[in-house]
All heavy atoms as atom14 arrays in JSON, in Angstrom:
{
  "sequence": "LFPKTFYENEYGTVGVVNEDEVDESIKIVEVTPYRTEGAYTDNRRPDF",
  "atom14_mask": [
    [1, 1, 1, 1, 1, 1, 1, 1, 0, 0, 0, 0, 0, 0],
    [1, 1, 1, 1, 1, 1, 1, 1, 1, 1, 1, 0, 0, 0],
    [1, 1, 1, 1, 1, 1, 1, 0, 0, 0, 0, 0, 0, 0],
    [1, 1, 1, 1, 1, 1, 1, 1, 1, 0, 0, 0, 0, 0],
    [1, 1, 1, 1, 1, 1, 1, 0, 0, 0, 0, 0, 0, 0],
    [1, 1, 1, 1, 1, 1, 1, 1, 1, 1, 1, 0, 0, 0],
    [1, 1, 1, 1, 1, 1, 1, 1, 1, 1, 1, 1, 0, 0],
    [1, 1, 1, 1, 1, 1, 1, 1, 1, 0, 0, 0, 0, 0],
    [1, 1, 1, 1, 1, 1, 1, 1, 0, 0, 0, 0, 0, 0],
    [1, 1, 1, 1, 1, 1, 1, 1, 1, 0, 0, 0, 0, 0],
    [1, 1, 1, 1, 1, 1, 1, 1, 1, 1, 1, 1, 0, 0],
    [1, 1, 1, 1, 0, 0, 0, 0, 0, 0, 0, 0, 0, 0],
    [1, 1, 1, 1, 1, 1, 1, 0, 0, 0, 0, 0, 0, 0],
    [1, 1, 1, 1, 1, 1, 1, 0, 0, 0, 0, 0, 0, 0],
    [1, 1, 1, 1, 0, 0, 0, 0, 0, 0, 0, 0, 0, 0],
    [1, 1, 1, 1, 1, 1, 1, 0, 0, 0, 0, 0, 0, 0],
    [1, 1, 1, 1, 1, 1, 1, 0, 0, 0, 0, 0, 0, 0],
    [1, 1, 1, 1, 1, 1, 1, 1, 0, 0, 0, 0, 0, 0],
    [1, 1, 1, 1, 1, 1, 1, 1, 1, 0, 0, 0, 0, 0],
    [1, 1, 1, 1, 1, 1, 1, 1, 0, 0, 0, 0, 0, 0],
    [1, 1, 1, 1, 1, 1, 1, 1, 1, 0, 0, 0, 0, 0],
    [1, 1, 1, 1, 1, 1, 1, 0, 0, 0, 0, 0, 0, 0],
    [1, 1, 1, 1, 1, 1, 1, 1, 0, 0, 0, 0, 0, 0],
    [1, 1, 1, 1, 1, 1, 1, 1, 1, 0, 0, 0, 0, 0],
    [1, 1, 1, 1, 1, 1, 0, 0, 0, 0, 0, 0, 0, 0],
    [1, 1, 1, 1, 1, 1, 1, 1, 0, 0, 0, 0, 0, 0],
    [1, 1, 1, 1, 1, 1, 1, 1, 1, 0, 0, 0, 0, 0],
    [1, 1, 1, 1, 1, 1, 1, 1, 0, 0, 0, 0, 0, 0],
    [1, 1, 1, 1, 1, 1, 1, 0, 0, 0, 0, 0, 0, 0],
    [1, 1, 1, 1, 1, 1, 1, 1, 1, 0, 0, 0, 0, 0],
    [1, 1, 1, 1, 1, 1, 1, 0, 0, 0, 0, 0, 0, 0],
    [1, 1, 1, 1, 1, 1, 1, 0, 0, 0, 0, 0, 0, 0],
    [1, 1, 1, 1, 1, 1, 1, 0, 0, 0, 0, 0, 0, 0],
    [1, 1, 1, 1, 1, 1, 1, 1, 1, 1, 1, 1, 0, 0],
    [1, 1, 1, 1, 1, 1, 1, 1, 1, 1, 1, 0, 0, 0],
    [1, 1, 1, 1, 1, 1, 1, 0, 0, 0, 0, 0, 0, 0],
    [1, 1, 1, 1, 1, 1, 1, 1, 1, 0, 0, 0, 0, 0],
    [1, 1, 1, 1, 0, 0, 0, 0, 0, 0, 0, 0, 0, 0],
    [1, 1, 1, 1, 1, 0, 0, 0, 0, 0, 0, 0, 0, 0],
    [1, 1, 1, 1, 1, 1, 1, 1, 1, 1, 1, 1, 0, 0],
    [1, 1, 1, 1, 1, 1, 1, 0, 0, 0, 0, 0, 0, 0],
    [1, 1, 1, 1, 1, 1, 1, 1, 0, 0, 0, 0, 0, 0],
    [1, 1, 1, 1, 1, 1, 1, 1, 0, 0, 0, 0, 0, 0],
    [1, 1, 1, 1, 1, 1, 1, 1, 1, 1, 1, 0, 0, 0],
    [1, 1, 1, 1, 1, 1, 1, 1, 1, 1, 1, 0, 0, 0],
    [1, 1, 1, 1, 1, 1, 1, 0, 0, 0, 0, 0, 0, 0],
    [1, 1, 1, 1, 1, 1, 1, 1, 0, 0, 0, 0, 0, 0],
    [1, 1, 1, 1, 1, 1, 1, 1, 1, 1, 1, 0, 0, 0]
  ],
  "atom14_positions": [
    [[-53.98, -101.41, -45.71], [-53.04, -101.89, -46.72], [-53.09, -101.11, -48.04], [-52.18, -101.24, -48.86], [-53.3, -103.38, -47.02], [-52.89, -104.39, -45.95], [-53.35, -105.78, -46.32], [-51.37, -104.36, -45.75], [0.0, 0.0, 0.0], [0.0, 0.0, 0.0], [0.0, 0.0, 0.0], [0.0, 0.0, 0.0], [0.0, 0.0, 0.0], [0.0, 0.0, 0.0]],
    [[-54.14, -100.3, -48.23], [-54.32, -99.65, -49.53], [-54.45, -98.13, -49.37], [-55.04, -97.65, -48.39], [-55.55, -100.22, -50.23], [-55.44, -101.7, -50.5], [-55.99, -102.63, -49.62], [-54.76, -102.16, -51.62], [-55.87, -103.99, -49.86], [-54.63, -103.52, -51.87], [-55.18, -104.44, -50.98], [0.0, 0.0, 0.0], [0.0, 0.0, 0.0], [0.0, 0.0, 0.0]],
    [[-53.93, -97.37, -50.34], [-53.94, -95.9, -50.21], [-55.33, -95.28, -50.25], [-55.58, -94.27, -49.59], [-53.09, -95.43, -51.39], [-53.08, -96.56, -52.36], [-53.18, -97.81, -51.54], [0.0, 0.0, 0.0], [0.0, 0.0, 0.0], [0.0, 0.0, 0.0], [0.0, 0.0, 0.0], [0.0, 0.0, 0.0], [0.0, 0.0, 0.0], [0.0, 0.0, 0.0]],
    [[-56.25, -95.86, -51.04], [-57.59, -95.27, -51.12], [-58.64, -96.38, -51.09], [-58.64, -97.28, -51.94], [-57.76, -94.44, -52.39], [-59.12, -93.72, -52.43], [-59.19, -92.68, -53.52], [-60.52, -91.93, -53.46], [-60.64, -90.91, -54.52], [0.0, 0.0, 0.0], [0.0, 0.0, 0.0], [0.0, 0.0, 0.0], [0.0, 0.0, 0.0], [0.0, 0.0, 0.0]],
    [[-59.51, -96.32, -50.11], [-60.58, -97.31, -49.97], [-61.85, -96.6, -49.48], [-61.82, -95.43, -49.09], [-60.22, -98.38, -48.92], [-60.06, -97.75, -47.63], [-58.93, -99.11, -49.28], [0.0, 0.0, 0.0], [0.0, 0.0, 0.0], [0.0, 0.0, 0.0], [0.0, 0.0, 0.0], [0.0, 0.0, 0.0], [0.0, 0.0, 0.0], [0.0, 0.0, 0.0]],
    [[-62.96, -97.31, -49.53], [-64.17, -96.83, -48.86], [-64.88, -98.03, -48.21], [-64.81, -99.15, -48.7], [-65.1, -96.08, -49.81], [-65.6, -96.89, -50.98], [-66.78, -97.62, -50.89], [-64.9, -96.91, -52.18], [-67.24, -98.35, -51.97], [-65.35, -97.65, -53.25], [-66.53, -98.37, -53.16], [0.0, 0.0, 0.0], [0.0, 0.0, 0.0], [0.0, 0.0, 0.0]],
    [[-65.54, -97.77, -47.12], [-66.16, -98.84, -46.33], [-67.48, -98.31, -45.81], [-67.51, -97.56, -44.84], [-65.22, -99.25, -45.19], [-65.72, -100.36, -44.3], [-66.4, -101.45, -44.81], [-65.49, -100.33, -42.92], [-66.84, -102.49, -44.0], [-65.92, -101.35, -42.09], [-66.59, -102.42, -42.63], [-67.03, -103.45, -41.81], [0.0, 0.0, 0.0], [0.0, 0.0, 0.0]],
    [[-68.57, -98.64, -46.48], [-69.87, -98.03, -46.17], [-70.96, -99.06, -45.91], [-72.12, -98.82, -46.18], [-70.29, -97.12, -47.33], [-69.3, -96.02, -47.65], [-69.61, -95.27, -48.92], [-70.45, -95.78, -49.7], [-69.03, -94.2, -49.15], [0.0, 0.0, 0.0], [0.0, 0.0, 0.0], [0.0, 0.0, 0.0], [0.0, 0.0, 0.0], [0.0, 0.0, 0.0]],
    [[-70.59, -100.24, -45.45], [-71.59, -101.28, -45.24], [-71.3, -102.02, -43.95], [-70.26, -101.8, -43.31], [-71.6, -102.25, -46.42], [-70.26, -102.96, -46.57], [-70.06, -104.01, -45.99], [-69.34, -102.36, -47.32], [0.0, 0.0, 0.0], [0.0, 0.0, 0.0], [0.0, 0.0, 0.0], [0.0, 0.0, 0.0], [0.0, 0.0, 0.0], [0.0, 0.0, 0.0]],
    [[-72.22, -102.87, -43.58], [-72.07, -103.62, -42.33], [-71.66, -105.06, -42.56], [-71.68, -105.88, -41.64], [-73.38, -103.57, -41.54], [-74.57, -104.06, -42.34], [-75.9, -103.74, -41.67], [-76.18, -104.35, -40.61], [-76.64, -102.88, -42.19], [0.0, 0.0, 0.0], [0.0, 0.0, 0.0], [0.0, 0.0, 0.0], [0.0, 0.0, 0.0], [0.0, 0.0, 0.0]],
    [[-71.27, -105.39, -43.78], [-70.96, -106.78, -44.11], [-69.48, -107.0, -44.39], [-69.07, -108.05, -44.88], [-71.8, -107.26, -45.29], [-73.27, -107.07, -45.03], [-73.99, -106.09, -45.69], [-73.92, -107.83, -44.06], [-75.34, -105.89, -45.42], [-75.25, -107.64, -43.77], [-75.95, -106.66, -44.45], [-77.28, -106.46, -44.17], [0.0, 0.0, 0.0], [0.0, 0.0, 0.0]],
    [[-68.66, -106.0, -44.09], [-67.22, -106.17, -44.17], [-66.6, -105.83, -45.51], [-65.38, -105.87, -45.65], [0.0, 0.0, 0.0], [0.0, 0.0, 0.0], [0.0, 0.0, 0.0], [0.0, 0.0, 0.0], [0.0, 0.0, 0.0], [0.0, 0.0, 0.0], [0.0, 0.0, 0.0], [0.0, 0.0, 0.0], [0.0, 0.0, 0.0], [0.0, 0.0, 0.0]],
    [[-67.4, -105.5, -46.52], [-66.86, -105.27, -47.86], [-66.17, -103.91, -47.95], [-66.78, -102.87, -47.69], [-67.98, -105.34, -48.92], [-68.57, -106.63, -48.87], [-67.4, -105.1, -50.31], [0.0, 0.0, 0.0], [0.0, 0.0, 0.0], [0.0, 0.0, 0.0], [0.0, 0.0, 0.0], [0.0, 0.0, 0.0], [0.0, 0.0, 0.0], [0.0, 0.0, 0.0]],
    [[-64.9, -103.95, -48.32], [-64.1, -102.73, -48.5], [-63.87, -102.52, -49.99], [-63.43, -103.44, -50.7], [-62.74, -102.86, -47.77], [-61.88, -101.63, -48.05], [-62.95, -103.05, -46.28], [0.0, 0.0, 0.0], [0.0, 0.0, 0.0], [0.0, 0.0, 0.0], [0.0, 0.0, 0.0], [0.0, 0.0, 0.0], [0.0, 0.0, 0.0], [0.0, 0.0, 0.0]],
    [[-64.16, -101.34, -50.49], [-63.89, -101.02, -51.88], [-62.48, -100.47, -52.02], [-62.16, -99.43, -51.46], [0.0, 0.0, 0.0], [0.0, 0.0, 0.0], [0.0, 0.0, 0.0], [0.0, 0.0, 0.0], [0.0, 0.0, 0.0], [0.0, 0.0, 0.0], [0.0, 0.0, 0.0], [0.0, 0.0, 0.0], [0.0, 0.0, 0.0], [0.0, 0.0, 0.0]],
    [[-61.63, -101.18, -52.74], [-60.28, -100.7, -53.02], [-60.31, -99.95, -54.34], [-60.69, -100.5, -55.37], [-59.27, -101.88, -53.08], [-57.89, -101.37, -53.48], [-59.21, -102.61, -51.75], [0.0, 0.0, 0.0], [0.0, 0.0, 0.0], [0.0, 0.0, 0.0], [0.0, 0.0, 0.0], [0.0, 0.0, 0.0], [0.0, 0.0, 0.0], [0.0, 0.0, 0.0]],
    [[-59.91, -98.69, -54.3], [-60.03, -97.81, -55.47], [-58.7, -97.77, -56.23], [-57.65, -97.44, -55.67], [-60.43, -96.39, -55.06], [-60.58, -95.49, -56.29], [-61.73, -96.42, -54.25], [0.0, 0.0, 0.0], [0.0, 0.0, 0.0], [0.0, 0.0, 0.0], [0.0, 0.0, 0.0], [0.0, 0.0, 0.0], [0.0, 0.0, 0.0], [0.0, 0.0, 0.0]],
    [[-58.77, -98.11, -57.52], [-57.62, -97.97, -58.42], [-57.81, -96.68, -59.21], [-58.43, -96.67, -60.27], [-57.54, -99.18, -59.36], [-57.28, -100.47, -58.62], [-56.36, -100.55, -57.82], [-58.09, -101.49, -58.88], [0.0, 0.0, 0.0], [0.0, 0.0, 0.0], [0.0, 0.0, 0.0], [0.0, 0.0, 0.0], [0.0, 0.0, 0.0], [0.0, 0.0, 0.0]],
    [[-57.29, -95.58, -58.7], [-57.58, -94.25, -59.26], [-57.1, -94.09, -60.7], [-57.71, -93.37, -61.49], [-56.96, -93.17, -58.39], [-57.65, -93.0, -57.05], [-57.15, -91.79, -56.29], [-56.03, -91.84, -55.77], [-57.9, -90.8, -56.24], [0.0, 0.0, 0.0], [0.0, 0.0, 0.0], [0.0, 0.0, 0.0], [0.0, 0.0, 0.0], [0.0, 0.0, 0.0]],
    [[-55.98, -94.71, -61.05], [-55.41, -94.51, -62.39], [-55.99, -95.46, -63.43], [-55.61, -95.4, -64.6], [-53.88, -94.7, -62.33], [-53.21, -93.68, -61.43], [-53.77, -92.57, -61.31], [-52.16, -93.99, -60.85], [0.0, 0.0, 0.0], [0.0, 0.0, 0.0], [0.0, 0.0, 0.0], [0.0, 0.0, 0.0], [0.0, 0.0, 0.0], [0.0, 0.0, 0.0]],
    [[-56.91, -96.32, -63.01], [-57.46, -97.33, -63.92], [-58.53, -96.71, -64.8], [-59.46, -96.05, -64.32], [-58.04, -98.5, -63.11], [-58.54, -99.65, -63.94], [-57.48, -100.24, -64.85], [-56.47, -100.73, -64.34], [-57.68, -100.16, -66.08], [0.0, 0.0, 0.0], [0.0, 0.0, 0.0], [0.0, 0.0, 0.0], [0.0, 0.0, 0.0], [0.0, 0.0, 0.0]],
    [[-58.43, -96.93, -66.12], [-59.41, -96.42, -67.08], [-60.62, -97.34, -67.16], [-61.76, -96.88, -67.26], [-58.76, -96.26, -68.47], [-59.8, -95.8, -69.49], [-57.6, -95.28, -68.41], [0.0, 0.0, 0.0], [0.0, 0.0, 0.0], [0.0, 0.0, 0.0], [0.0, 0.0, 0.0], [0.0, 0.0, 0.0], [0.0, 0.0, 0.0], [0.0, 0.0, 0.0]],
    [[-60.4, -98.64, -67.1], [-61.46, -99.64, -67.2], [-62.36, -99.56, -65.97], [-61.92, -99.8, -64.84], [-60.84, -101.03, -67.32], [-61.87, -102.13, -67.6], [-63.07, -101.9, -67.34], [-61.46, -103.21, -68.06], [0.0, 0.0, 0.0], [0.0, 0.0, 0.0], [0.0, 0.0, 0.0], [0.0, 0.0, 0.0], [0.0, 0.0, 0.0], [0.0, 0.0, 0.0]],
    [[-63.63, -99.2, -66.19], [-64.56, -99.02, -65.07], [-64.77, -100.31, -64.27], [-65.05, -100.26, -63.07], [-65.92, -98.51, -65.59], [-65.89, -97.07, -66.06], [-65.56, -96.08, -64.96], [-65.99, -96.29, -63.82], [-64.85, -95.1, -65.25], [0.0, 0.0, 0.0], [0.0, 0.0, 0.0], [0.0, 0.0, 0.0], [0.0, 0.0, 0.0], [0.0, 0.0, 0.0]],
    [[-64.64, -101.48, -64.91], [-64.86, -102.75, -64.22], [-63.75, -103.05, -63.21], [-63.9, -103.91, -62.35], [-64.97, -103.9, -65.23], [-63.72, -104.17, -65.83], [0.0, 0.0, 0.0], [0.0, 0.0, 0.0], [0.0, 0.0, 0.0], [0.0, 0.0, 0.0], [0.0, 0.0, 0.0], [0.0, 0.0, 0.0], [0.0, 0.0, 0.0], [0.0, 0.0, 0.0]],
    [[-62.64, -102.33, -63.32], [-61.48, -102.59, -62.46], [-61.2, -101.41, -61.54], [-60.39, -101.5, -60.63], [-60.22, -102.89, -63.32], [-60.53, -103.96, -64.36], [-59.06, -103.37, -62.47], [-59.44, -104.13, -65.4], [0.0, 0.0, 0.0], [0.0, 0.0, 0.0], [0.0, 0.0, 0.0], [0.0, 0.0, 0.0], [0.0, 0.0, 0.0], [0.0, 0.0, 0.0]],
    [[-61.88, -100.31, -61.75], [-61.62, -99.1, -60.98], [-61.82, -99.35, -59.49], [-61.11, -98.79, -58.65], [-62.53, -97.97, -61.45], [-61.91, -96.6, -61.28], [-62.7, -95.56, -62.03], [-61.99, -94.23, -62.07], [-60.71, -94.26, -62.77], [0.0, 0.0, 0.0], [0.0, 0.0, 0.0], [0.0, 0.0, 0.0], [0.0, 0.0, 0.0], [0.0, 0.0, 0.0]],
    [[-62.79, -100.2, -59.17], [-63.03, -100.58, -57.77], [-63.02, -102.09, -57.67], [-63.76, -102.78, -58.38], [-64.37, -100.03, -57.26], [-64.35, -98.5, -57.25], [-64.68, -100.57, -55.87], [-65.67, -97.87, -56.92], [0.0, 0.0, 0.0], [0.0, 0.0, 0.0], [0.0, 0.0, 0.0], [0.0, 0.0, 0.0], [0.0, 0.0, 0.0], [0.0, 0.0, 0.0]],
    [[-62.18, -102.62, -56.8], [-62.15, -104.05, -56.51], [-62.69, -104.23, -55.09], [-62.16, -103.64, -54.15], [-60.71, -104.62, -56.62], [-60.69, -106.1, -56.21], [-60.18, -104.45, -58.03], [0.0, 0.0, 0.0], [0.0, 0.0, 0.0], [0.0, 0.0, 0.0], [0.0, 0.0, 0.0], [0.0, 0.0, 0.0], [0.0, 0.0, 0.0], [0.0, 0.0, 0.0]],
    [[-63.75, -105.01, -54.95], [-64.36, -105.21, -53.64], [-63.65, -106.35, -52.91], [-63.51, -107.44, -53.44], [-65.85, -105.49, -53.77], [-66.64, -104.29, -54.28], [-68.13, -104.45, -54.1], [-68.6, -105.6, -53.9], [-68.84, -103.43, -54.16], [0.0, 0.0, 0.0], [0.0, 0.0, 0.0], [0.0, 0.0, 0.0], [0.0, 0.0, 0.0], [0.0, 0.0, 0.0]],
    [[-63.23, -106.06, -51.68], [-62.53, -107.05, -50.85], [-63.36, -107.31, -49.61], [-63.68, -106.37, -48.87], [-61.12, -106.55, -50.47], [-60.39, -107.63, -49.66], [-60.32, -106.16, -51.71], [0.0, 0.0, 0.0], [0.0, 0.0, 0.0], [0.0, 0.0, 0.0], [0.0, 0.0, 0.0], [0.0, 0.0, 0.0], [0.0, 0.0, 0.0], [0.0, 0.0, 0.0]],
    [[-63.75, -108.56, -49.41], [-64.62, -108.92, -48.28], [-63.96, -110.01, -47.44], [-63.47, -111.0, -47.98], [-65.98, -109.44, -48.8], [-66.55, -108.47, -49.68], [-66.93, -109.7, -47.65], [0.0, 0.0, 0.0], [0.0, 0.0, 0.0], [0.0, 0.0, 0.0], [0.0, 0.0, 0.0], [0.0, 0.0, 0.0], [0.0, 0.0, 0.0], [0.0, 0.0, 0.0]],
    [[-63.97, -109.84, -46.12], [-63.42, -110.89, -45.26], [-64.25, -112.18, -45.36], [-65.46, -112.14, -45.62], [-63.53, -110.3, -43.85], [-63.69, -108.82, -44.05], [-64.41, -108.67, -45.35], [0.0, 0.0, 0.0], [0.0, 0.0, 0.0], [0.0, 0.0, 0.0], [0.0, 0.0, 0.0], [0.0, 0.0, 0.0], [0.0, 0.0, 0.0], [0.0, 0.0, 0.0]],
    [[-63.59, -113.32, -45.12], [-64.36, -114.56, -44.95], [-65.4, -114.3, -43.87], [-65.1, -113.65, -42.85], [-63.47, -115.7, -44.46], [-62.28, -116.05, -45.32], [-61.15, -116.65, -44.73], [-62.27, -115.83, -46.68], [-60.04, -116.99, -45.49], [-61.16, -116.18, -47.46], [-60.05, -116.75, -46.85], [-58.95, -117.1, -47.61], [0.0, 0.0, 0.0], [0.0, 0.0, 0.0]],
    [[-66.59, -114.81, -44.06], [-67.59, -114.55, -43.02], [-68.59, -115.68, -42.92], [-68.83, -116.43, -43.88], [-68.3, -113.23, -43.27], [-69.29, -113.2, -44.42], [-69.88, -111.81, -44.59], [-71.07, -111.85, -45.42], [-71.32, -111.01, -46.41], [-70.44, -110.06, -46.7], [-72.42, -111.09, -47.1], [0.0, 0.0, 0.0], [0.0, 0.0, 0.0], [0.0, 0.0, 0.0]],
    [[-69.19, -115.77, -41.77], [-70.37, -116.6, -41.55], [-71.5, -115.64, -41.21], [-71.26, -114.48, -40.85], [-70.18, -117.62, -40.42], [-69.8, -116.92, -39.22], [-69.1, -118.64, -40.78], [0.0, 0.0, 0.0], [0.0, 0.0, 0.0], [0.0, 0.0, 0.0], [0.0, 0.0, 0.0], [0.0, 0.0, 0.0], [0.0, 0.0, 0.0], [0.0, 0.0, 0.0]],
    [[-72.74, -116.11, -41.3], [-73.88, -115.22, -41.14], [-74.9, -115.8, -40.19], [-75.05, -117.03, -40.06], [-74.54, -114.97, -42.51], [-73.58, -114.32, -43.51], [-74.12, -114.31, -44.93], [-74.98, -115.16, -45.25], [-73.68, -113.46, -45.73], [0.0, 0.0, 0.0], [0.0, 0.0, 0.0], [0.0, 0.0, 0.0], [0.0, 0.0, 0.0], [0.0, 0.0, 0.0]],
    [[-75.62, -114.9, -39.52], [-76.69, -115.31, -38.63], [-77.96, -115.6, -39.41], [-77.97, -115.67, -40.64], [0.0, 0.0, 0.0], [0.0, 0.0, 0.0], [0.0, 0.0, 0.0], [0.0, 0.0, 0.0], [0.0, 0.0, 0.0], [0.0, 0.0, 0.0], [0.0, 0.0, 0.0], [0.0, 0.0, 0.0], [0.0, 0.0, 0.0], [0.0, 0.0, 0.0]],
    [[-79.07, -115.73, -38.7], [-80.36, -116.01, -39.34], [-80.8, -114.83, -40.21], [-80.43, -113.68, -39.96], [-81.41, -116.28, -38.27], [0.0, 0.0, 0.0], [0.0, 0.0, 0.0], [0.0, 0.0, 0.0], [0.0, 0.0, 0.0], [0.0, 0.0, 0.0], [0.0, 0.0, 0.0], [0.0, 0.0, 0.0], [0.0, 0.0, 0.0], [0.0, 0.0, 0.0]],
    [[-81.6, -115.14, -41.23], [-82.15, -114.12, -42.13], [-83.63, -113.92, -41.78], [-84.52, -114.43, -42.44], [-82.05, -114.56, -43.58], [-80.67, -114.53, -44.2], [-79.67, -115.41, -43.79], [-80.38, -113.63, -45.21], [-78.41, -115.39, -44.4], [-79.12, -113.6, -45.82], [-78.15, -114.49, -45.4], [-76.91, -114.47, -45.99], [0.0, 0.0, 0.0], [0.0, 0.0, 0.0]],
    [[-83.89, -113.17, -40.73], [-85.29, -113.05, -40.3], [-86.15, -112.24, -41.27], [-87.37, -112.36, -41.26], [-85.37, -112.42, -38.89], [-84.65, -111.19, -38.9], [-84.77, -113.35, -37.85], [0.0, 0.0, 0.0], [0.0, 0.0, 0.0], [0.0, 0.0, 0.0], [0.0, 0.0, 0.0], [0.0, 0.0, 0.0], [0.0, 0.0, 0.0], [0.0, 0.0, 0.0]],
    [[-85.51, -111.4, -42.1], [-86.28, -110.61, -43.08], [-86.21, -111.22, -44.48], [-86.66, -110.61, -45.43], [-85.81, -109.16, -43.11], [-84.38, -109.01, -43.63], [-83.71, -110.04, -43.84], [-83.93, -107.86, -43.83], [0.0, 0.0, 0.0], [0.0, 0.0, 0.0], [0.0, 0.0, 0.0], [0.0, 0.0, 0.0], [0.0, 0.0, 0.0], [0.0, 0.0, 0.0]],
    [[-85.64, -112.43, -44.58], [-85.51, -113.13, -45.87], [-84.72, -112.32, -46.9], [-84.87, -112.51, -48.1], [-86.87, -113.5, -46.45], [-87.69, -114.35, -45.52], [-88.69, -113.89, -44.98], [-87.26, -115.58, -45.28], [0.0, 0.0, 0.0], [0.0, 0.0, 0.0], [0.0, 0.0, 0.0], [0.0, 0.0, 0.0], [0.0, 0.0, 0.0], [0.0, 0.0, 0.0]],
    [[-83.84, -111.46, -46.41], [-83.04, -110.65, -47.34], [-81.61, -110.46, -46.86], [-80.68, -110.63, -47.6], [-83.71, -109.27, -47.54], [-82.93, -108.35, -48.48], [-82.91, -108.86, -49.89], [-82.06, -108.05, -50.78], [-80.82, -108.34, -51.12], [-80.24, -109.42, -50.62], [-80.14, -107.57, -51.94], [0.0, 0.0, 0.0], [0.0, 0.0, 0.0], [0.0, 0.0, 0.0]],
    [[-81.45, -110.11, -45.57], [-80.11, -109.85, -45.03], [-79.9, -110.62, -43.74], [-80.85, -110.81, -42.96], [-79.92, -108.35, -44.76], [-80.0, -107.49, -46.01], [-79.83, -106.01, -45.64], [-79.85, -105.17, -46.82], [-80.95, -104.72, -47.4], [-82.13, -105.06, -46.91], [-80.89, -103.96, -48.48], [0.0, 0.0, 0.0], [0.0, 0.0, 0.0], [0.0, 0.0, 0.0]],
    [[-78.65, -111.03, -43.46], [-78.39, -111.72, -42.2], [-78.53, -110.76, -41.02], [-78.24, -109.57, -41.14], [-76.94, -112.2, -42.36], [-76.32, -111.25, -43.34], [-77.43, -110.89, -44.28], [0.0, 0.0, 0.0], [0.0, 0.0, 0.0], [0.0, 0.0, 0.0], [0.0, 0.0, 0.0], [0.0, 0.0, 0.0], [0.0, 0.0, 0.0], [0.0, 0.0, 0.0]],
    [[-78.99, -111.29, -39.89], [-79.13, -110.45, -38.7], [-77.76, -109.98, -38.2], [-77.65, -108.91, -37.59], [-79.84, -111.23, -37.59], [-81.28, -111.57, -37.98], [-81.8, -110.92, -38.9], [-81.86, -112.49, -37.38], [0.0, 0.0, 0.0], [0.0, 0.0, 0.0], [0.0, 0.0, 0.0], [0.0, 0.0, 0.0], [0.0, 0.0, 0.0], [0.0, 0.0, 0.0]],
    [[-76.74, -110.8, -38.43], [-75.37, -110.39, -38.08], [-74.4, -111.19, -38.93], [-74.76, -112.21, -39.52], [-75.08, -110.62, -36.59], [-75.09, -112.06, -36.18], [-73.93, -112.84, -36.27], [-76.25, -112.67, -35.71], [-73.93, -114.18, -35.9], [-76.27, -114.01, -35.35], [-75.11, -114.77, -35.44], [0.0, 0.0, 0.0], [0.0, 0.0, 0.0], [0.0, 0.0, 0.0]]
  ]
}
């Protein structure tokens, strides 16, 4: 849906890049699908 994005994680988060935006807080808007998570066996990240 977007002209420039990046997707470098396993949790579904897509970075939508606003190239013409001067404000650094808005230059990238993170878009993440609704999700549920598996067990956290390492007490930090979901197994899936």
